[in-house]
Protein backbone atom coordinates (compact mmCIF):
# COMPACT_ATOMS: atom_id res chain seq x y z
CA UNK A 1 0.00 0.00 0.00
CA UNK A 2 2.81 2.41 0.86
CA UNK A 3 4.51 1.68 -2.47
CA UNK A 4 1.31 2.65 -4.31
CA UNK A 5 1.23 6.06 -2.59
CA UNK A 6 4.88 6.65 -3.41
CA UNK A 7 4.18 5.81 -7.06
CA UNK A 8 1.16 8.17 -7.15
CA UNK A 9 3.14 11.03 -5.58
CA UNK A 10 6.02 10.52 -8.06
CA UNK A 11 3.59 10.35 -11.03
CA UNK A 12 1.81 13.54 -9.96
CA UNK A 13 5.17 15.25 -9.39
CA UNK A 14 6.35 14.33 -12.88
CA UNK A 15 3.02 15.57 -14.29
CA UNK A 16 3.47 18.94 -12.60
CA UNK A 17 7.04 19.27 -13.90
CA UNK A 18 5.87 18.54 -17.46
CA UNK A 19 2.87 20.90 -17.19
CA UNK A 20 4.92 23.75 -15.69
CA UNK A 21 7.53 23.46 -18.44
CA UNK A 22 5.17 23.13 -21.42
CA UNK A 23 4.83 26.32 -23.46
CA UNK A 24 2.73 26.95 -26.54
CA UNK A 25 4.44 27.61 -29.87
CA UNK A 26 2.83 29.11 -32.98
CA UNK A 27 5.08 27.03 -35.24
CA UNK A 28 3.38 23.71 -35.69
CA UNK A 29 0.30 24.61 -33.67
CA UNK A 30 -3.03 23.40 -34.94
CA UNK A 31 -6.60 23.99 -33.94
CA UNK A 32 -7.92 21.58 -31.34
CA UNK A 33 -11.15 19.64 -31.71
CA UNK A 34 -12.59 21.76 -28.89
CA UNK A 35 -13.33 25.19 -30.43
CA UNK A 36 -15.24 28.41 -29.82
CA UNK A 37 -15.91 31.00 -32.50
CA UNK A 38 -15.82 34.70 -31.55
CA UNK A 39 -16.56 37.62 -33.86
CA UNK A 40 -15.36 41.19 -33.46
CA UNK A 41 -15.82 44.43 -35.33
CA UNK A 42 -12.07 45.06 -34.88
CA UNK A 43 -9.83 44.32 -37.85
CA UNK A 44 -7.64 41.20 -37.58
CA UNK A 45 -4.59 43.38 -36.81
CA UNK A 46 -6.49 45.29 -34.09
CA UNK A 47 -7.83 42.06 -32.61
CA UNK A 48 -4.34 40.54 -32.63
CA UNK A 49 -2.88 43.54 -30.78
CA UNK A 50 -5.74 43.56 -28.26
CA UNK A 51 -5.17 39.87 -27.50
CA UNK A 52 -1.42 40.35 -27.12
CA UNK A 53 -2.31 42.48 -24.09
CA UNK A 54 -4.66 39.94 -22.48
CA UNK A 55 -4.29 39.92 -18.72
CA UNK A 56 -4.11 37.58 -15.76
CA UNK A 57 -4.43 34.64 -15.53
CA UNK A 58 -3.71 34.27 -19.25
CA UNK A 59 -0.29 34.69 -20.79
CA UNK A 60 0.77 34.92 -24.42
CA UNK A 61 3.24 32.05 -24.88
CA UNK A 62 3.86 32.83 -28.55
CA UNK A 63 2.46 35.12 -31.25
CA UNK A 64 2.95 35.61 -34.98
CA UNK A 65 1.59 38.87 -36.39
CA UNK A 66 2.15 37.78 -40.00
CA UNK A 67 -0.30 34.88 -39.62
CA UNK A 68 -2.47 36.41 -36.84
CA UNK A 69 -2.00 33.36 -34.62
CA UNK A 70 -1.42 33.43 -30.87
CA UNK A 71 -1.02 30.70 -28.30
CA UNK A 72 -2.36 31.70 -24.91
CA UNK A 73 -1.84 29.68 -21.76
CA UNK A 74 -3.31 29.42 -18.30
CA UNK A 75 -1.28 28.32 -15.29
CA UNK A 76 -1.18 24.97 -13.55
CA UNK A 77 -3.56 24.88 -10.58
CA UNK A 78 -4.41 22.39 -7.88
CA UNK A 79 -7.30 21.12 -10.04
CA UNK A 80 -5.74 21.19 -13.52
CA UNK A 81 -2.49 20.83 -15.41
CA UNK A 82 -3.07 24.21 -17.09
CA UNK A 83 -4.21 24.78 -20.65
CA UNK A 84 -2.96 26.00 -24.02
CA UNK A 85 -5.35 28.02 -26.18
CA UNK A 86 -4.47 28.34 -29.87
CA UNK A 87 -6.12 31.49 -31.26
CA UNK A 88 -6.53 31.94 -35.02
CA UNK A 89 -7.69 35.37 -36.24
CA UNK A 90 -9.06 35.74 -39.77
CA UNK A 91 -11.03 38.46 -41.56
CA UNK A 92 -14.75 38.22 -40.86
CA UNK A 93 -17.15 37.66 -43.78
CA UNK A 94 -18.76 41.10 -43.35
CA UNK A 95 -15.69 42.94 -42.11
CA UNK A 96 -14.13 42.77 -38.68
CA UNK A 97 -12.61 39.53 -37.44
CA UNK A 98 -13.43 35.92 -36.83
CA UNK A 99 -11.47 34.51 -33.89
CA UNK A 100 -11.30 30.75 -33.47
CA UNK A 101 -10.24 29.70 -29.95
CA UNK A 102 -9.14 26.16 -29.15
CA UNK A 103 -8.32 24.54 -25.83
CA UNK A 104 -5.99 21.71 -24.89
CA UNK A 105 -4.47 20.60 -21.61
CA UNK A 106 -0.76 20.98 -21.02
CA UNK A 107 -0.72 17.32 -19.97
CA UNK A 108 -4.11 15.60 -20.00
CA UNK A 109 -7.49 16.61 -18.68
CA UNK A 110 -11.11 15.65 -19.27
CA UNK A 111 -14.56 16.70 -18.21
CA UNK A 112 -16.12 19.90 -16.95
CA UNK A 113 -12.81 21.46 -15.86
CA UNK A 114 -11.77 21.72 -19.52
CA UNK A 115 -15.12 23.17 -20.58
CA UNK A 116 -15.04 25.70 -17.75
CA UNK A 117 -11.46 26.75 -18.53
CA UNK A 118 -12.27 27.13 -22.25
CA UNK A 119 -15.37 29.23 -21.52
CA UNK A 120 -13.41 31.48 -19.14
CA UNK A 121 -10.70 32.03 -21.75
CA UNK A 122 -13.30 32.94 -24.38
CA UNK A 123 -14.87 35.42 -21.93
CA UNK A 124 -11.44 36.98 -21.30
CA UNK A 125 -10.86 37.23 -25.07
CA UNK A 126 -14.24 38.92 -25.54
CA UNK A 127 -13.40 41.37 -22.74
CA UNK A 128 -10.00 42.14 -24.30
CA UNK A 129 -11.65 42.70 -27.68
CA UNK A 130 -14.29 45.01 -26.22
CA UNK A 131 -11.46 47.15 -24.86
CA UNK A 132 -9.89 47.37 -28.35
CA UNK A 133 -10.05 50.81 -29.94
CA UNK A 134 -13.28 51.40 -31.79
CA UNK A 135 -13.20 52.32 -35.45
CA UNK A 136 -15.27 55.23 -36.66
CA UNK A 137 -17.01 54.70 -39.97
CA UNK A 138 -18.18 57.80 -41.80
CA UNK A 139 -21.32 57.08 -43.67
């Protein structure tokens, strides 16, 4: 019984080391199967800049302005291994931007914790975009 606890503690410790060290990279990133679609009236460049300034608890691990792709991350917590959020920004069909937000665990995670983390990230993205400078259209 004691050997089982030692194994569990070592496995969890290794998991935390891996999760703490894992950083998102734009090169080679792909959209996850778990996705949310956000639209914004901001241009892709404006949306990209607004998301580069996203605040706590999210961090920009990597960003490429030429492709309008960012990889956001959330920290490891007691209940999760932390998450990586690939963000792809494209021109919207009627102007503005379409922002596709994925979510994947830094190690492995299932269930409502993933859904909750993804929804919170999307809410933070929407808040960052609403703070983006408004464009004035003369008409």
